[in-house]
Amino acid sequence: MKKSRSDGISLRRTLAEILVNFLLGAAWAVALLGAVYFFWSFLPFGIPVALAASIAGSLVGLFMVLFLEVVNLQFEKFRLMRRQTELLESIEKKLDDTSIRDNRP
């Protein structure tokens, strides 16, 4: 049986997917650096205030992470739908070649 290139998950990524993955790493860095910066900036006001400030400082980065994860999931969904379409088209072609489609012997 001939194996098509759509069998298994493809390792090829588009430039947009590479960019999204890079920005995802940058968003995690922004979240971490924002939390650390705000923690150390507000530490003279006390630990509870510094912890609250670090949570607030990391929110921008975490929202960026959330958004980029949704984008990444949409790329994966598109890839899987394209694979499913290829499989359904091959099944349809096989059904057209045989008499199974009309339920005739």
Protein backbone atom coordinates (compact mmCIF):
# COMPACT_ATOMS: atom_id res chain seq x y z
CA MET A 1 0.00 0.00 0.00
CA LYS A 2 1.41 3.35 -1.02
CA LYS A 3 1.80 5.81 1.80
CA SER A 4 0.76 9.36 0.97
CA ARG A 5 2.58 12.40 2.27
CA SER A 6 -0.44 13.28 4.41
CA ASP A 7 -0.04 10.13 6.54
CA GLY A 8 1.18 11.20 9.95
CA ILE A 9 1.76 14.72 11.04
CA SER A 10 3.83 16.82 8.70
CA LEU A 11 6.90 18.51 10.10
CA ARG A 12 6.77 21.28 7.53
CA ARG A 13 5.70 24.59 8.97
CA THR A 14 4.80 27.78 7.20
CA LEU A 15 6.57 31.05 7.83
CA ALA A 16 3.51 32.30 9.73
CA GLU A 17 3.63 29.31 12.08
CA ILE A 18 7.33 29.82 12.72
CA LEU A 19 6.67 33.48 13.47
CA VAL A 20 3.80 32.62 15.85
CA ASN A 21 6.02 30.14 17.71
CA PHE A 22 8.79 32.74 18.01
CA LEU A 23 6.33 35.34 19.28
CA LEU A 24 4.96 32.80 21.74
CA GLY A 25 8.40 32.44 23.27
CA ALA A 26 8.77 36.22 23.35
CA ALA A 27 5.38 36.53 25.06
CA TRP A 28 6.47 34.11 27.79
CA ALA A 29 9.62 36.19 28.24
CA VAL A 30 7.55 39.39 28.52
CA ALA A 31 5.31 37.74 31.12
CA LEU A 32 8.28 36.55 33.16
CA LEU A 33 10.24 39.79 32.89
CA GLY A 34 7.15 41.86 33.70
CA ALA A 35 6.49 39.81 36.82
CA VAL A 36 10.10 40.02 38.01
CA TYR A 37 10.44 43.74 37.24
CA PHE A 38 7.24 44.71 38.99
CA PHE A 39 8.02 42.46 41.96
CA TRP A 40 11.40 44.08 42.55
CA SER A 41 10.03 47.57 41.88
CA PHE A 42 7.26 47.25 44.47
CA LEU A 43 9.20 45.21 47.05
CA PRO A 44 9.92 48.31 49.22
CA PHE A 45 6.14 48.59 49.77
CA GLY A 46 5.90 45.07 51.19
CA ILE A 47 5.69 41.50 49.99
CA PRO A 48 1.89 41.38 49.47
CA VAL A 49 1.99 44.55 47.35
CA ALA A 50 5.00 43.22 45.42
CA LEU A 51 3.20 39.93 44.69
CA ALA A 52 0.08 41.77 43.50
CA ALA A 53 2.24 44.02 41.32
CA SER A 54 4.09 41.03 39.84
CA ILE A 55 0.78 39.40 38.93
CA ALA A 56 -0.38 42.64 37.32
CA GLY A 57 2.96 42.99 35.53
CA SER A 58 2.72 39.56 34.01
CA LEU A 59 -0.83 40.00 32.70
CA VAL A 60 0.16 41.65 29.41
CA GLY A 61 2.52 38.81 28.58
CA LEU A 62 -0.01 36.20 29.63
CA PHE A 63 -2.70 37.72 27.42
CA MET A 64 -0.23 37.64 24.53
CA VAL A 65 0.48 33.96 25.31
CA LEU A 66 -3.24 33.20 25.35
CA PHE A 67 -3.83 34.95 22.02
CA LEU A 68 -0.87 33.25 20.32
CA GLU A 69 -1.91 29.83 21.63
CA VAL A 70 -5.34 30.34 20.05
CA VAL A 71 -3.65 31.27 16.77
CA ASN A 72 -1.47 28.16 17.03
CA LEU A 73 -4.54 25.99 17.60
CA GLN A 74 -6.21 27.47 14.53
CA PHE A 75 -3.17 26.54 12.41
CA GLU A 76 -3.35 22.99 13.76
CA LYS A 77 -7.11 22.83 13.11
CA PHE A 78 -6.58 24.03 9.53
CA ARG A 79 -3.86 21.41 8.96
CA LEU A 80 -6.07 18.60 10.29
CA MET A 81 -9.09 19.74 8.27
CA ARG A 82 -6.96 19.80 5.12
CA ARG A 83 -5.77 16.25 5.86
CA GLN A 84 -9.34 15.12 6.51
CA THR A 85 -10.46 16.66 3.21
CA GLU A 86 -7.71 14.80 1.34
CA LEU A 87 -8.78 11.53 2.94
CA LEU A 88 -12.45 12.11 2.15
CA GLU A 89 -11.61 12.97 -1.46
CA SER A 90 -9.61 9.76 -1.83
CA ILE A 91 -12.53 7.76 -0.37
CA GLU A 92 -14.92 9.48 -2.75
CA LYS A 93 -12.67 8.65 -5.70
CA LYS A 94 -12.53 5.00 -4.67
CA LEU A 95 -16.31 4.93 -4.33
CA ASP A 96 -16.69 6.41 -7.81
CA ASP A 97 -14.44 3.67 -9.19
CA THR A 98 -16.53 0.88 -7.72
CA SER A 99 -20.16 -0.06 -7.63
CA ILE A 100 -20.35 0.20 -3.84
CA ARG A 101 -21.70 3.72 -4.11
CA ASP A 102 -24.95 2.61 -5.73
CA ASN A 103 -25.27 -0.53 -3.60
CA ARG A 104 -25.17 -2.72 -6.67
CA PRO A 105 -23.42 -6.10 -6.79
